[in-house]
Amino acid sequence: MMVSLYPITIENHTFIAIDVQLPKTNLLAVKSDCGYIMCGALDVCLLNEKLHDRGIIAGRAVGVRTIEQLLDAPLESVTIAAEELGISVGVIGRDALLKMKEKEVSRD
């Protein structure tokens, strides 16, 4: 198994990309300080139902195989906390991350 963590920059903001190469699939995520986007392995229902009290800001894109595809893909599902931030289904991954960055800046 290979695990890669590396910084990526979107509009002068730095995020951390995580790529875990597993047998027959990859686990992909990009995180900000307050939330993240992830590949189809993310269980949005679990986050919304069982972990609702945590207010996790997250979005899921399906059918992606690389971090670049994750950034360019429309989100297929998002958490309630992400919706409250203005991140909705269909928003492109990189735009969702920039919304998260806006939240980080506004709370500083």
C-alpha atoms as a PDB file:
ATOM      1  CA  MET A   1       0.000   0.000   0.000  1.00  0.00           C
ATOM      2  CA  MET A   2       1.234   3.462  -0.906  1.00  0.00           C
ATOM      3  CA  VAL A   3       0.075   6.609   0.910  1.00  0.00           C
ATOM      4  CA  SER A   4       0.792  10.080  -0.469  1.00  0.00           C
ATOM      5  CA  LEU A   5       0.177  13.369   1.334  1.00  0.00           C
ATOM      6  CA  TYR A   6       1.073  16.584  -0.418  1.00  0.00           C
ATOM      7  CA  PRO A   7       0.020  20.222  -0.556  1.00  0.00           C
ATOM      8  CA  ILE A   8      -1.994  21.568  -3.464  1.00  0.00           C
ATOM      9  CA  THR A   9      -2.754  25.198  -4.229  1.00  0.00           C
ATOM     10  CA  ILE A  10      -6.083  26.542  -5.454  1.00  0.00           C
ATOM     11  CA  GLU A  11      -6.267  30.311  -5.992  1.00  0.00           C
ATOM     12  CA  ASN A  12      -3.339  30.957  -3.624  1.00  0.00           C
ATOM     13  CA  HIS A  13      -4.833  28.779  -0.859  1.00  0.00           C
ATOM     14  CA  THR A  14      -3.111  25.606   0.308  1.00  0.00           C
ATOM     15  CA  PHE A  15      -4.953  22.344   0.922  1.00  0.00           C
ATOM     16  CA  ILE A  16      -3.667  18.847   1.714  1.00  0.00           C
ATOM     17  CA  ALA A  17      -4.266  16.023  -0.780  1.00  0.00           C
ATOM     18  CA  ILE A  18      -4.354  12.435   0.462  1.00  0.00           C
ATOM     19  CA  ASP A  19      -4.061   9.510  -1.960  1.00  0.00           C
ATOM     20  CA  VAL A  20      -4.132   5.989  -0.546  1.00  0.00           C
ATOM     21  CA  GLN A  21      -3.498   3.291  -3.141  1.00  0.00           C
ATOM     22  CA  LEU A  22      -5.439   0.195  -2.118  1.00  0.00           C
ATOM     23  CA  PRO A  23      -5.909  -3.083  -4.005  1.00  0.00           C
ATOM     24  CA  LYS A  24      -8.134  -2.372  -7.035  1.00  0.00           C
ATOM     25  CA  THR A  25      -8.997   1.175  -5.903  1.00  0.00           C
ATOM     26  CA  ASN A  26      -7.664   4.467  -4.554  1.00  0.00           C
ATOM     27  CA  LEU A  27      -8.938   6.395  -1.556  1.00  0.00           C
ATOM     28  CA  LEU A  28      -8.793  10.109  -2.410  1.00  0.00           C
ATOM     29  CA  ALA A  29      -9.394  13.169  -0.243  1.00  0.00           C
ATOM     30  CA  VAL A  30      -8.487  16.840  -0.143  1.00  0.00           C
ATOM     31  CA  LYS A  31      -8.798  18.665   3.177  1.00  0.00           C
ATOM     32  CA  SER A  32      -9.006  22.195   4.383  1.00  0.00           C
ATOM     33  CA  ASP A  33      -8.821  23.179   8.037  1.00  0.00           C
ATOM     34  CA  CYS A  34     -12.615  22.912   8.452  1.00  0.00           C
ATOM     35  CA  GLY A  35     -13.737  20.203   6.019  1.00  0.00           C
ATOM     36  CA  TYR A  36     -12.920  17.975   3.081  1.00  0.00           C
ATOM     37  CA  ILE A  37     -13.969  16.461  -0.214  1.00  0.00           C
ATOM     38  CA  MET A  38     -13.517  12.776  -0.881  1.00  0.00           C
ATOM     39  CA  CYS A  39     -14.068  10.026  -3.414  1.00  0.00           C
ATOM     40  CA  GLY A  40     -17.057   7.690  -3.430  1.00  0.00           C
ATOM     41  CA  ALA A  41     -15.831   5.865  -0.310  1.00  0.00           C
ATOM     42  CA  LEU A  42     -17.204   8.696   1.851  1.00  0.00           C
ATOM     43  CA  ASP A  43     -20.426   7.729   3.634  1.00  0.00           C
ATOM     44  CA  VAL A  44     -22.353  11.021   3.691  1.00  0.00           C
ATOM     45  CA  CYS A  45     -25.415   9.341   5.237  1.00  0.00           C
ATOM     46  CA  LEU A  46     -23.321   8.179   8.191  1.00  0.00           C
ATOM     47  CA  LEU A  47     -21.955  11.700   8.696  1.00  0.00           C
ATOM     48  CA  ASN A  48     -25.437  13.230   8.486  1.00  0.00           C
ATOM     49  CA  GLU A  49     -27.221  10.663  10.643  1.00  0.00           C
ATOM     50  CA  LYS A  50     -24.886   9.069  13.176  1.00  0.00           C
ATOM     51  CA  LEU A  51     -22.362  11.914  13.452  1.00  0.00           C
ATOM     52  CA  HIS A  52     -24.720  14.861  12.894  1.00  0.00           C
ATOM     53  CA  ASP A  53     -23.746  16.513  16.189  1.00  0.00           C
ATOM     54  CA  ARG A  54     -20.163  16.906  14.934  1.00  0.00           C
ATOM     55  CA  GLY A  55     -21.232  19.230  12.094  1.00  0.00           C
ATOM     56  CA  ILE A  56     -18.765  17.697   9.627  1.00  0.00           C
ATOM     57  CA  ILE A  57     -18.331  19.737   6.452  1.00  0.00           C
ATOM     58  CA  ALA A  58     -17.730  17.255   3.631  1.00  0.00           C
ATOM     59  CA  GLY A  59     -18.626  16.414   0.055  1.00  0.00           C
ATOM     60  CA  ARG A  60     -18.418  13.265  -2.041  1.00  0.00           C
ATOM     61  CA  ALA A  61     -17.587  12.866  -5.733  1.00  0.00           C
ATOM     62  CA  VAL A  62     -18.003   9.500  -7.445  1.00  0.00           C
ATOM     63  CA  GLY A  63     -16.162   7.959 -10.375  1.00  0.00           C
ATOM     64  CA  VAL A  64     -12.874   9.759  -9.712  1.00  0.00           C
ATOM     65  CA  ARG A  65      -9.486   8.076  -9.836  1.00  0.00           C
ATOM     66  CA  THR A  66      -7.061  10.943  -9.246  1.00  0.00           C
ATOM     67  CA  ILE A  67      -6.868  14.029  -7.058  1.00  0.00           C
ATOM     68  CA  GLU A  68      -7.177  16.216 -10.168  1.00  0.00           C
ATOM     69  CA  GLN A  69     -10.403  14.441 -11.138  1.00  0.00           C
ATOM     70  CA  LEU A  70     -11.687  14.889  -7.576  1.00  0.00           C
ATOM     71  CA  LEU A  71     -11.032  18.632  -7.796  1.00  0.00           C
ATOM     72  CA  ASP A  72     -12.837  18.904 -11.145  1.00  0.00           C
ATOM     73  CA  ALA A  73     -15.791  16.615 -10.395  1.00  0.00           C
ATOM     74  CA  PRO A  74     -19.242  17.788  -9.336  1.00  0.00           C
ATOM     75  CA  LEU A  75     -20.122  16.660  -5.822  1.00  0.00           C
ATOM     76  CA  GLU A  76     -22.706  13.878  -5.821  1.00  0.00           C
ATOM     77  CA  SER A  77     -23.636  14.357  -2.155  1.00  0.00           C
ATOM     78  CA  VAL A  78     -22.757  16.741   0.669  1.00  0.00           C
ATOM     79  CA  THR A  79     -23.294  16.840   4.407  1.00  0.00           C
ATOM     80  CA  ILE A  80     -25.882  19.025   6.083  1.00  0.00           C
ATOM     81  CA  ALA A  81     -23.071  21.183   7.511  1.00  0.00           C
ATOM     82  CA  ALA A  82     -21.672  21.663   3.995  1.00  0.00           C
ATOM     83  CA  GLU A  83     -25.114  22.723   2.732  1.00  0.00           C
ATOM     84  CA  GLU A  84     -25.335  25.260   5.561  1.00  0.00           C
ATOM     85  CA  LEU A  85     -22.040  26.689   4.309  1.00  0.00           C
ATOM     86  CA  GLY A  86     -23.431  27.043   0.776  1.00  0.00           C
ATOM     87  CA  ILE A  87     -21.893  23.891  -0.720  1.00  0.00           C
ATOM     88  CA  SER A  88     -24.552  22.002  -2.637  1.00  0.00           C
ATOM     89  CA  VAL A  89     -24.789  18.889  -4.788  1.00  0.00           C
ATOM     90  CA  GLY A  90     -23.303  19.655  -8.204  1.00  0.00           C
ATOM     91  CA  VAL A  91     -20.689  22.109  -6.942  1.00  0.00           C
ATOM     92  CA  ILE A  92     -17.228  21.325  -8.354  1.00  0.00           C
ATOM     93  CA  GLY A  93     -14.752  19.957  -5.781  1.00  0.00           C
ATOM     94  CA  ARG A  94     -12.302  22.867  -5.982  1.00  0.00           C
ATOM     95  CA  ASP A  95     -15.155  25.379  -5.536  1.00  0.00           C
ATOM     96  CA  ALA A  96     -16.323  23.516  -2.433  1.00  0.00           C
ATOM     97  CA  LEU A  97     -12.810  23.729  -0.983  1.00  0.00           C
ATOM     98  CA  LEU A  98     -12.697  27.472  -1.651  1.00  0.00           C
ATOM     99  CA  LYS A  99     -16.023  27.849   0.216  1.00  0.00           C
ATOM    100  CA  MET A 100     -14.452  26.001   3.135  1.00  0.00           C
ATOM    101  CA  LYS A 101     -11.472  28.351   3.010  1.00  0.00           C
ATOM    102  CA  GLU A 102     -13.874  31.342   3.163  1.00  0.00           C
ATOM    103  CA  LYS A 103     -15.299  29.889   6.396  1.00  0.00           C
ATOM    104  CA  GLU A 104     -11.804  29.509   7.838  1.00  0.00           C
ATOM    105  CA  VAL A 105     -10.924  33.108   7.010  1.00  0.00           C
ATOM    106  CA  SER A 106     -14.191  34.464   8.447  1.00  0.00           C
ATOM    107  CA  ARG A 107     -13.662  32.755  11.803  1.00  0.00           C
ATOM    108  CA  ASP A 108     -10.078  34.078  12.251  1.00  0.00           C
END
